[in-house]
Amino acid sequence: MPQLPQDRYGLSHSLFATPKRANESVVIGGLADDERRWIRIVSYRAAQLLWLTLTQLLYPDELAEATAFASTAPMRSADLPTITTHIHVADKEGDLIEFVGFAGRTPIWSADIRKEEARRLCQSLAKLFQP
């Protein structure tokens, strides 16, 4: 049986993304379904891949342009349990997208978001990665 993430935020909203310490990582967060604020520290590479994945899912015609802006981002050590090194994105039925954040191979958090919220997050991430 697959391991479940320890932190499950449910249907989240008011998502944001902001750089942390000279673009070494990105802070992503929002409000959980019970209105608790949550934040996760995400490696620069994981945030960049999240942006490209959301662009592919939500704006497929803009993917080539977004990819051209993507610079090579260093990988972080997978043995730092508090840093999200990868975010799996799944297009769920209806209007929802599921994020599962991993530290190495271990799922550590998950959140569901509506596609309109995903568009806002994608635009916020684009501001970090496009000149």
Foldseek 3Di string as FASTA:
>chain_A
DDDDAPAEQEEWFPWAWDADDPLQWIKIWTAGPVRDTDIATEGSVQLLVLLLVLCCVPPVVCNVVSVVLDDDGDQDDLPPARYFRHWDWDDDPDFKIKIFTHSNPHTHYIYIYGNVRSVVHSVNSCVVRHD
